[in-house]
Amino acid sequence: MDLRVAVVIVCLCAVAIISTEAGIPKCCVKTQRFIHPQLLRNVQKVVEQNEHDGCDISARILYIKGLNKPVCADPMLKIKKMTKRRKMRLNKYKPSK
């Protein structure tokens, strides 16, 4: 009977952790210092991960078109400059109406 009570308590704790908004954060464990430029061209969204958010390391989480899993990049990687340059190039060659 004690085993049943322990199992019920463990299940209730698991449900409580999963259902709360401040559950266990999904963090990058390691980062990549080099990401192929072809992948960087397809970046849709960049999210900053800080050590203060409950994660062990700082990183930039890249959501790339065509990939199911996000890519964890080194925070020193100059992604924003690359994406700005790409947008400028695309706008430069866009035909005017």
PDB file of N, CA and C in Angstrom:
ATOM      1  N   MET A   1       0.811  -1.193   0.000  1.00  0.00           N
ATOM      2  CA  MET A   1       0.000   0.000   0.000  1.00  0.00           C
ATOM      3  C   MET A   1       0.857   1.261   0.000  1.00  0.00           C
ATOM      4  N   ASP A   2       1.998   1.238   0.657  1.00  0.00           N
ATOM      5  CA  ASP A   2       2.888   2.394   0.675  1.00  0.00           C
ATOM      6  C   ASP A   2       3.445   2.679  -0.714  1.00  0.00           C
ATOM      7  N   LEU A   3       3.655   1.649  -1.485  1.00  0.00           N
ATOM      8  CA  LEU A   3       4.161   1.824  -2.852  1.00  0.00           C
ATOM      9  C   LEU A   3       3.127   2.539  -3.716  1.00  0.00           C
ATOM     10  N   ARG A   4       1.870   2.206  -3.559  1.00  0.00           N
ATOM     11  CA  ARG A   4       0.808   2.862  -4.327  1.00  0.00           C
ATOM     12  C   ARG A   4       0.732   4.359  -3.997  1.00  0.00           C
ATOM     13  N   VAL A   5       0.842   4.677  -2.737  1.00  0.00           N
ATOM     14  CA  VAL A   5       0.806   6.077  -2.306  1.00  0.00           C
ATOM     15  C   VAL A   5       2.000   6.839  -2.901  1.00  0.00           C
ATOM     16  N   ALA A   6       3.167   6.218  -2.880  1.00  0.00           N
ATOM     17  CA  ALA A   6       4.364   6.855  -3.442  1.00  0.00           C
ATOM     18  C   ALA A   6       4.213   7.087  -4.943  1.00  0.00           C
ATOM     19  N   VAL A   7       3.652   6.130  -5.663  1.00  0.00           N
ATOM     20  CA  VAL A   7       3.452   6.266  -7.108  1.00  0.00           C
ATOM     21  C   VAL A   7       2.462   7.393  -7.399  1.00  0.00           C
ATOM     22  N   VAL A   8       1.402   7.465  -6.633  1.00  0.00           N
ATOM     23  CA  VAL A   8       0.398   8.520  -6.828  1.00  0.00           C
ATOM     24  C   VAL A   8       1.025   9.893  -6.574  1.00  0.00           C
ATOM     25  N   ILE A   9       1.821  10.018  -5.531  1.00  0.00           N
ATOM     26  CA  ILE A   9       2.468  11.297  -5.219  1.00  0.00           C
ATOM     27  C   ILE A   9       3.439  11.694  -6.331  1.00  0.00           C
ATOM     28  N   VAL A  10       4.210  10.755  -6.828  1.00  0.00           N
ATOM     29  CA  VAL A  10       5.145  11.043  -7.916  1.00  0.00           C
ATOM     30  C   VAL A  10       4.385  11.480  -9.166  1.00  0.00           C
ATOM     31  N   CYS A  11       3.300  10.817  -9.487  1.00  0.00           N
ATOM     32  CA  CYS A  11       2.491  11.195 -10.660  1.00  0.00           C
ATOM     33  C   CYS A  11       1.903  12.590 -10.497  1.00  0.00           C
ATOM     34  N   LEU A  12       1.407  12.903  -9.316  1.00  0.00           N
ATOM     35  CA  LEU A  12       0.852  14.234  -9.077  1.00  0.00           C
ATOM     36  C   LEU A  12       1.925  15.318  -9.197  1.00  0.00           C
ATOM     37  N   CYS A  13       3.104  15.036  -8.701  1.00  0.00           N
ATOM     38  CA  CYS A  13       4.205  16.009  -8.821  1.00  0.00           C
ATOM     39  C   CYS A  13       4.588  16.216 -10.285  1.00  0.00           C
ATOM     40  N   ALA A  14       4.633  15.138 -11.050  1.00  0.00           N
ATOM     41  CA  ALA A  14       4.970  15.242 -12.471  1.00  0.00           C
ATOM     42  C   ALA A  14       3.940  16.067 -13.223  1.00  0.00           C
ATOM     43  N   VAL A  15       2.669  15.844 -12.935  1.00  0.00           N
ATOM     44  CA  VAL A  15       1.599  16.609 -13.579  1.00  0.00           C
ATOM     45  C   VAL A  15       1.687  18.079 -13.180  1.00  0.00           C
ATOM     46  N   ALA A  16       1.996  18.359 -11.932  1.00  0.00           N
ATOM     47  CA  ALA A  16       2.099  19.740 -11.462  1.00  0.00           C
ATOM     48  C   ALA A  16       3.254  20.462 -12.145  1.00  0.00           C
ATOM     49  N   ILE A  17       4.382  19.799 -12.331  1.00  0.00           N
ATOM     50  CA  ILE A  17       5.534  20.423 -12.984  1.00  0.00           C
ATOM     51  C   ILE A  17       5.261  20.660 -14.460  1.00  0.00           C
ATOM     52  N   ILE A  18       4.660  19.698 -15.124  1.00  0.00           N
ATOM     53  CA  ILE A  18       4.401  19.818 -16.555  1.00  0.00           C
ATOM     54  C   ILE A  18       3.358  20.883 -16.843  1.00  0.00           C
ATOM     55  N   SER A  19       2.353  21.003 -16.004  1.00  0.00           N
ATOM     56  CA  SER A  19       1.238  21.906 -16.284  1.00  0.00           C
ATOM     57  C   SER A  19       1.531  23.360 -15.931  1.00  0.00           C
ATOM     58  N   THR A  20       2.571  23.648 -15.161  1.00  0.00           N
ATOM     59  CA  THR A  20       2.865  25.033 -14.807  1.00  0.00           C
ATOM     60  C   THR A  20       3.590  25.726 -15.940  1.00  0.00           C
ATOM     61  N   GLU A  21       3.404  27.049 -16.023  1.00  0.00           N
ATOM     62  CA  GLU A  21       4.084  27.827 -17.056  1.00  0.00           C
ATOM     63  C   GLU A  21       5.577  27.864 -16.818  1.00  0.00           C
ATOM     64  N   ALA A  22       5.975  27.934 -15.593  1.00  0.00           N
ATOM     65  CA  ALA A  22       7.396  28.007 -15.265  1.00  0.00           C
ATOM     66  C   ALA A  22       7.942  26.615 -15.004  1.00  0.00           C
ATOM     67  N   GLY A  23       7.680  25.718 -15.914  1.00  0.00           N
ATOM     68  CA  GLY A  23       8.165  24.360 -15.782  1.00  0.00           C
ATOM     69  C   GLY A  23       9.654  24.289 -16.040  1.00  0.00           C
ATOM     70  N   ILE A  24      10.112  23.159 -16.413  1.00  0.00           N
ATOM     71  CA  ILE A  24      11.526  22.961 -16.679  1.00  0.00           C
ATOM     72  C   ILE A  24      11.861  23.622 -18.010  1.00  0.00           C
ATOM     73  N   PRO A  25      12.811  24.584 -18.023  1.00  0.00           N
ATOM     74  CA  PRO A  25      13.132  25.273 -19.270  1.00  0.00           C
ATOM     75  C   PRO A  25      13.915  24.372 -20.223  1.00  0.00           C
ATOM     76  N   LYS A  26      13.707  24.596 -21.524  1.00  0.00           N
ATOM     77  CA  LYS A  26      14.471  23.877 -22.533  1.00  0.00           C
ATOM     78  C   LYS A  26      15.677  24.735 -22.861  1.00  0.00           C
ATOM     79  N   CYS A  27      16.837  24.232 -22.541  1.00  0.00           N
ATOM     80  CA  CYS A  27      18.063  25.007 -22.698  1.00  0.00           C
ATOM     81  C   CYS A  27      19.037  24.306 -23.642  1.00  0.00           C
ATOM     82  N   CYS A  28      19.875  25.118 -24.261  1.00  0.00           N
ATOM     83  CA  CYS A  28      20.969  24.578 -25.060  1.00  0.00           C
ATOM     84  C   CYS A  28      22.045  24.063 -24.112  1.00  0.00           C
ATOM     85  N   VAL A  29      22.584  22.911 -24.425  1.00  0.00           N
ATOM     86  CA  VAL A  29      23.630  22.329 -23.595  1.00  0.00           C
ATOM     87  C   VAL A  29      25.007  22.707 -24.136  1.00  0.00           C
ATOM     88  N   LYS A  30      25.105  22.811 -25.463  1.00  0.00           N
ATOM     89  CA  LYS A  30      26.359  23.235 -26.083  1.00  0.00           C
ATOM     90  C   LYS A  30      26.025  24.108 -27.292  1.00  0.00           C
ATOM     91  N   THR A  31      27.011  24.884 -27.725  1.00  0.00           N
ATOM     92  CA  THR A  31      26.796  25.787 -28.841  1.00  0.00           C
ATOM     93  C   THR A  31      27.770  25.481 -29.964  1.00  0.00           C
ATOM     94  N   GLN A  32      27.395  25.916 -31.155  1.00  0.00           N
ATOM     95  CA  GLN A  32      28.259  25.766 -32.322  1.00  0.00           C
ATOM     96  C   GLN A  32      28.872  27.131 -32.624  1.00  0.00           C
ATOM     97  N   ARG A  33      30.187  27.149 -32.847  1.00  0.00           N
ATOM     98  CA  ARG A  33      30.857  28.411 -33.167  1.00  0.00           C
ATOM     99  C   ARG A  33      30.775  28.729 -34.647  1.00  0.00           C
ATOM    100  N   PHE A  34      30.689  27.705 -35.473  1.00  0.00           N
ATOM    101  CA  PHE A  34      30.588  27.924 -36.914  1.00  0.00           C
ATOM    102  C   PHE A  34      29.290  27.319 -37.414  1.00  0.00           C
ATOM    103  N   ILE A  35      28.548  28.116 -38.139  1.00  0.00           N
ATOM    104  CA  ILE A  35      27.330  27.635 -38.790  1.00  0.00           C
ATOM    105  C   ILE A  35      27.458  28.003 -40.254  1.00  0.00           C
ATOM    106  N   HIS A  36      27.204  27.055 -41.104  1.00  0.00           N
ATOM    107  CA  HIS A  36      27.369  27.258 -42.542  1.00  0.00           C
ATOM    108  C   HIS A  36      26.525  28.450 -43.011  1.00  0.00           C
ATOM    109  N   PRO A  37      27.093  29.315 -43.846  1.00  0.00           N
ATOM    110  CA  PRO A  37      26.345  30.492 -44.334  1.00  0.00           C
ATOM    111  C   PRO A  37      25.032  30.140 -45.031  1.00  0.00           C
ATOM    112  N   GLN A  38      24.981  28.973 -45.655  1.00  0.00           N
ATOM    113  CA  GLN A  38      23.738  28.557 -46.318  1.00  0.00           C
ATOM    114  C   GLN A  38      22.606  28.405 -45.299  1.00  0.00           C
ATOM    115  N   LEU A  39      22.926  27.886 -44.112  1.00  0.00           N
ATOM    116  CA  LEU A  39      21.917  27.770 -43.053  1.00  0.00           C
ATOM    117  C   LEU A  39      21.528  29.140 -42.515  1.00  0.00           C
ATOM    118  N   LEU A  40      22.514  30.027 -42.406  1.00  0.00           N
ATOM    119  CA  LEU A  40      22.227  31.357 -41.867  1.00  0.00           C
ATOM    120  C   LEU A  40      21.303  32.150 -42.782  1.00  0.00           C
ATOM    121  N   ARG A  41      21.296  31.824 -44.041  1.00  0.00           N
ATOM    122  CA  ARG A  41      20.400  32.518 -44.973  1.00  0.00           C
ATOM    123  C   ARG A  41      18.937  32.174 -44.714  1.00  0.00           C
ATOM    124  N   ASN A  42      18.701  31.025 -44.099  1.00  0.00           N
ATOM    125  CA  ASN A  42      17.333  30.557 -43.873  1.00  0.00           C
ATOM    126  C   ASN A  42      16.844  30.759 -42.444  1.00  0.00           C
ATOM    127  N   VAL A  43      17.530  31.609 -41.671  1.00  0.00           N
ATOM    128  CA  VAL A  43      17.119  31.860 -40.288  1.00  0.00           C
ATOM    129  C   VAL A  43      15.806  32.619 -40.286  1.00  0.00           C
ATOM    130  N   GLN A  44      14.837  32.084 -39.561  1.00  0.00           N
ATOM    131  CA  GLN A  44      13.528  32.725 -39.459  1.00  0.00           C
ATOM    132  C   GLN A  44      13.377  33.516 -38.163  1.00  0.00           C
ATOM    133  N   LYS A  45      13.978  32.999 -37.082  1.00  0.00           N
ATOM    134  CA  LYS A  45      13.814  33.649 -35.781  1.00  0.00           C
ATOM    135  C   LYS A  45      15.052  33.372 -34.937  1.00  0.00           C
ATOM    136  N   VAL A  46      15.460  34.374 -34.154  1.00  0.00           N
ATOM    137  CA  VAL A  46      16.598  34.237 -33.247  1.00  0.00           C
ATOM    138  C   VAL A  46      16.112  34.551 -31.837  1.00  0.00           C
ATOM    139  N   VAL A  47      16.411  33.651 -30.901  1.00  0.00           N
ATOM    140  CA  VAL A  47      16.021  33.835 -29.502  1.00  0.00           C
ATOM    141  C   VAL A  47      17.285  33.786 -28.655  1.00  0.00           C
ATOM    142  N   GLU A  48      17.425  34.745 -27.750  1.00  0.00           N
ATOM    143  CA  GLU A  48      18.573  34.782 -26.852  1.00  0.00           C
ATOM    144  C   GLU A  48      18.305  33.910 -25.626  1.00  0.00           C
ATOM    145  N   GLN A  49      19.283  33.104 -25.259  1.00  0.00           N
ATOM    146  CA  GLN A  49      19.204  32.298 -24.037  1.00  0.00           C
ATOM    147  C   GLN A  49      20.269  32.833 -23.088  1.00  0.00           C
ATOM    148  N   ASN A  50      19.873  33.228 -21.893  1.00  0.00           N
ATOM    149  CA  ASN A  50      20.804  33.774 -20.917  1.00  0.00           C
ATOM    150  C   ASN A  50      21.006  32.803 -19.767  1.00  0.00           C
ATOM    151  N   GLU A  51      22.117  32.999 -19.082  1.00  0.00           N
ATOM    152  CA  GLU A  51      22.377  32.180 -17.894  1.00  0.00           C
ATOM    153  C   GLU A  51      21.388  32.513 -16.784  1.00  0.00           C
ATOM    154  N   HIS A  52      20.834  33.703 -16.824  1.00  0.00           N
ATOM    155  CA  HIS A  52      19.911  34.153 -15.782  1.00  0.00           C
ATOM    156  C   HIS A  52      18.517  33.542 -15.931  1.00  0.00           C
ATOM    157  N   ASP A  53      18.242  32.917 -17.066  1.00  0.00           N
ATOM    158  CA  ASP A  53      16.921  32.326 -17.312  1.00  0.00           C
ATOM    159  C   ASP A  53      16.800  30.899 -16.785  1.00  0.00           C
ATOM    160  N   GLY A  54      17.775  30.453 -16.041  1.00  0.00           N
ATOM    161  CA  GLY A  54      17.728  29.103 -15.503  1.00  0.00           C
ATOM    162  C   GLY A  54      18.531  28.113 -16.333  1.00  0.00           C
ATOM    163  N   CYS A  55      19.263  28.596 -17.327  1.00  0.00           N
ATOM    164  CA  CYS A  55      20.086  27.725 -18.168  1.00  0.00           C
ATOM    165  C   CYS A  55      21.551  27.842 -17.745  1.00  0.00           C
ATOM    166  N   ASP A  56      22.340  26.843 -18.089  1.00  0.00           N
ATOM    167  CA  ASP A  56      23.738  26.828 -17.685  1.00  0.00           C
ATOM    168  C   ASP A  56      24.619  27.739 -18.528  1.00  0.00           C
ATOM    169  N   ILE A  57      24.276  27.918 -19.812  1.00  0.00           N
ATOM    170  CA  ILE A  57      25.122  28.709 -20.711  1.00  0.00           C
ATOM    171  C   ILE A  57      24.286  29.744 -21.460  1.00  0.00           C
ATOM    172  N   SER A  58      24.971  30.763 -21.959  1.00  0.00           N
ATOM    173  CA  SER A  58      24.322  31.736 -22.841  1.00  0.00           C
ATOM    174  C   SER A  58      24.447  31.229 -24.272  1.00  0.00           C
ATOM    175  N   ALA A  59      23.414  31.450 -25.058  1.00  0.00           N
ATOM    176  CA  ALA A  59      23.424  30.982 -26.447  1.00  0.00           C
ATOM    177  C   ALA A  59      22.395  31.764 -27.251  1.00  0.00           C
ATOM    178  N   ARG A  60      22.502  31.639 -28.562  1.00  0.00           N
ATOM    179  CA  ARG A  60      21.481  32.147 -29.473  1.00  0.00           C
ATOM    180  C   ARG A  60      20.814  30.941 -30.106  1.00  0.00           C
ATOM    181  N   ILE A  61      19.514  30.859 -29.969  1.00  0.00           N
ATOM    182  CA  ILE A  61      18.759  29.741 -30.526  1.00  0.00           C
ATOM    183  C   ILE A  61      18.220  30.179 -31.882  1.00  0.00           C
ATOM    184  N   LEU A  62      18.646  29.475 -32.930  1.00  0.00           N
ATOM    185  CA  LEU A  62      18.259  29.828 -34.295  1.00  0.00           C
ATOM    186  C   LEU A  62      17.198  28.864 -34.786  1.00  0.00           C
ATOM    187  N   TYR A  63      16.090  29.419 -35.228  1.00  0.00           N
ATOM    188  CA  TYR A  63      15.043  28.619 -35.846  1.00  0.00           C
ATOM    189  C   TYR A  63      15.214  28.780 -37.350  1.00  0.00           C
ATOM    190  N   ILE A  64      15.569  27.677 -38.003  1.00  0.00           N
ATOM    191  CA  ILE A  64      15.938  27.704 -39.409  1.00  0.00           C
ATOM    192  C   ILE A  64      14.883  26.994 -40.234  1.00  0.00           C
ATOM    193  N   LYS A  65      14.509  27.648 -41.340  1.00  0.00           N
ATOM    194  CA  LYS A  65      13.508  27.081 -42.246  1.00  0.00           C
ATOM    195  C   LYS A  65      14.029  25.761 -42.808  1.00  0.00           C
ATOM    196  N   GLY A  66      13.214  24.720 -42.726  1.00  0.00           N
ATOM    197  CA  GLY A  66      13.585  23.421 -43.251  1.00  0.00           C
ATOM    198  C   GLY A  66      14.183  22.476 -42.218  1.00  0.00           C
ATOM    199  N   LEU A  67      14.508  22.976 -41.029  1.00  0.00           N
ATOM    200  CA  LEU A  67      15.036  22.119 -39.963  1.00  0.00           C
ATOM    201  C   LEU A  67      13.978  21.945 -38.883  1.00  0.00           C
ATOM    202  N   ASN A  68      13.854  20.738 -38.381  1.00  0.00           N
ATOM    203  CA  ASN A  68      12.860  20.466 -37.335  1.00  0.00           C
ATOM    204  C   ASN A  68      13.317  20.962 -35.963  1.00  0.00           C
ATOM    205  N   LYS A  69      14.627  20.871 -35.709  1.00  0.00           N
ATOM    206  CA  LYS A  69      15.155  21.252 -34.406  1.00  0.00           C
ATOM    207  C   LYS A  69      15.884  22.582 -34.515  1.00  0.00           C
ATOM    208  N   PRO A  70      15.801  23.415 -33.488  1.00  0.00           N
ATOM    209  CA  PRO A  70      16.556  24.671 -33.515  1.00  0.00           C
ATOM    210  C   PRO A  70      18.054  24.398 -33.360  1.00  0.00           C
ATOM    211  N   VAL A  71      18.862  25.359 -33.793  1.00  0.00           N
ATOM    212  CA  VAL A  71      20.317  25.253 -33.714  1.00  0.00           C
ATOM    213  C   VAL A  71      20.793  26.199 -32.619  1.00  0.00           C
ATOM    214  N   CYS A  72      21.663  25.710 -31.746  1.00  0.00           N
ATOM    215  CA  CYS A  72      22.219  26.538 -30.680  1.00  0.00           C
ATOM    216  C   CYS A  72      23.553  27.106 -31.147  1.00  0.00           C
ATOM    217  N   ALA A  73      23.607  28.426 -31.237  1.00  0.00           N
ATOM    218  CA  ALA A  73      24.806  29.095 -31.733  1.00  0.00           C
ATOM    219  C   ALA A  73      25.503  29.833 -30.604  1.00  0.00           C
ATOM    220  N   ASP A  74      26.794  30.042 -30.784  1.00  0.00           N
ATOM    221  CA  ASP A  74      27.585  30.811 -29.844  1.00  0.00           C
ATOM    222  C   ASP A  74      27.032  32.236 -29.785  1.00  0.00           C
ATOM    223  N   PRO A  75      26.921  32.836 -28.608  1.00  0.00           N
ATOM    224  CA  PRO A  75      26.347  34.187 -28.523  1.00  0.00           C
ATOM    225  C   PRO A  75      27.205  35.246 -29.207  1.00  0.00           C
ATOM    226  N   MET A  76      28.472  34.958 -29.460  1.00  0.00           N
ATOM    227  CA  MET A  76      29.351  35.921 -30.123  1.00  0.00           C
ATOM    228  C   MET A  76      29.225  35.868 -31.644  1.00  0.00           C
ATOM    229  N   LEU A  77      28.471  34.929 -32.163  1.00  0.00           N
ATOM    230  CA  LEU A  77      28.276  34.804 -33.604  1.00  0.00           C
ATOM    231  C   LEU A  77      27.491  36.006 -34.121  1.00  0.00           C
ATOM    232  N   LYS A  78      27.962  36.595 -35.197  1.00  0.00           N
ATOM    233  CA  LYS A  78      27.348  37.823 -35.711  1.00  0.00           C
ATOM    234  C   LYS A  78      26.241  37.489 -36.688  1.00  0.00           C
ATOM    235  N   ILE A  79      25.128  37.050 -36.150  1.00  0.00           N
ATOM    236  CA  ILE A  79      23.999  36.615 -36.973  1.00  0.00           C
ATOM    237  C   ILE A  79      23.216  37.812 -37.482  1.00  0.00           C
ATOM    238  N   LYS A  80      23.005  38.780 -36.633  1.00  0.00           N
ATOM    239  CA  LYS A  80      22.167  39.912 -37.008  1.00  0.00           C
ATOM    240  C   LYS A  80      22.782  40.688 -38.171  1.00  0.00           C
ATOM    241  N   LYS A  81      24.103  40.847 -38.165  1.00  0.00           N
ATOM    242  CA  LYS A  81      24.757  41.545 -39.263  1.00  0.00           C
ATOM    243  C   LYS A  81      24.562  40.789 -40.571  1.00  0.00           C
ATOM    244  N   MET A  82      24.698  39.471 -40.503  1.00  0.00           N
ATOM    245  CA  MET A  82      24.565  38.667 -41.708  1.00  0.00           C
ATOM    246  C   MET A  82      23.151  38.730 -42.265  1.00  0.00           C
ATOM    247  N   THR A  83      22.152  38.679 -41.392  1.00  0.00           N
ATOM    248  CA  THR A  83      20.780  38.719 -41.879  1.00  0.00           C
ATOM    249  C   THR A  83      20.428  40.110 -42.404  1.00  0.00           C
ATOM    250  N   LYS A  84      20.978  41.171 -41.800  1.00  0.00           N
ATOM    251  CA  LYS A  84      20.736  42.516 -42.305  1.00  0.00           C
ATOM    252  C   LYS A  84      21.340  42.678 -43.693  1.00  0.00           C
ATOM    253  N   ARG A  85      22.572  42.186 -43.865  1.00  0.00           N
ATOM    254  CA  ARG A  85      23.222  42.269 -45.180  1.00  0.00           C
ATOM    255  C   ARG A  85      22.407  41.537 -46.231  1.00  0.00           C
ATOM    256  N   ARG A  86      21.892  40.384 -45.854  1.00  0.00           N
ATOM    257  CA  ARG A  86      21.098  39.594 -46.794  1.00  0.00           C
ATOM    258  C   ARG A  86      19.849  40.355 -47.217  1.00  0.00           C
ATOM    259  N   LYS A  87      19.162  40.953 -46.249  1.00  0.00           N
ATOM    260  CA  LYS A  87      17.954  41.708 -46.561  1.00  0.00           C
ATOM    261  C   LYS A  87      18.270  42.905 -47.447  1.00  0.00           C
ATOM    262  N   MET A  88      19.397  43.571 -47.175  1.00  0.00           N
ATOM    263  CA  MET A  88      19.778  44.717 -47.989  1.00  0.00           C
ATOM    264  C   MET A  88      20.061  44.289 -49.425  1.00  0.00           C
ATOM    265  N   ARG A  89      20.734  43.155 -49.581  1.00  0.00           N
ATOM    266  CA  ARG A  89      21.022  42.651 -50.923  1.00  0.00           C
ATOM    267  C   ARG A  89      19.735  42.297 -51.661  1.00  0.00           C
ATOM    268  N   LEU A  90      18.819  41.664 -50.959  1.00  0.00           N
ATOM    269  CA  LEU A  90      17.552  41.300 -51.592  1.00  0.00           C
ATOM    270  C   LEU A  90      16.762  42.542 -52.007  1.00  0.00           C
ATOM    271  N   ASN A  91      16.747  43.554 -51.160  1.00  0.00           N
ATOM    272  CA  ASN A  91      16.025  44.787 -51.481  1.00  0.00           C
ATOM    273  C   ASN A  91      16.706  45.550 -52.612  1.00  0.00           C
ATOM    274  N   LYS A  92      18.015  45.437 -52.705  1.00  0.00           N
ATOM    275  CA  LYS A  92      18.772  46.135 -53.739  1.00  0.00           C
ATOM    276  C   LYS A  92      18.413  45.610 -55.131  1.00  0.00           C
ATOM    277  N   TYR A  93      18.224  44.307 -55.230  1.00  0.00           N
ATOM    278  CA  TYR A  93      17.943  43.691 -56.525  1.00  0.00           C
ATOM    279  C   TYR A  93      16.458  43.480 -56.789  1.00  0.00           C
ATOM    280  N   LYS A  94      15.630  43.970 -55.907  1.00  0.00           N
ATOM    281  CA  LYS A  94      14.186  43.823 -56.087  1.00  0.00           C
ATOM    282  C   LYS A  94      13.721  44.782 -57.186  1.00  0.00           C
ATOM    283  N   PRO A  95      12.960  44.304 -58.148  1.00  0.00           N
ATOM    284  CA  PRO A  95      12.494  45.215 -59.198  1.00  0.00           C
ATOM    285  C   PRO A  95      11.495  46.227 -58.643  1.00  0.00           C
ATOM    286  N   SER A  96      11.651  47.470 -59.047  1.00  0.00           N
ATOM    287  CA  SER A  96      10.737  48.511 -58.575  1.00  0.00           C
ATOM    288  C   SER A  96       9.450  48.486 -59.393  1.00  0.00           C
ATOM    289  N   LYS A  97       8.357  48.827 -58.739  1.00  0.00           N
ATOM    290  CA  LYS A  97       7.049  48.775 -59.405  1.00  0.00           C
ATOM    291  C   LYS A  97       6.693  50.094 -60.033  1.00  0.00           C
TER     292      LYS A  97
END
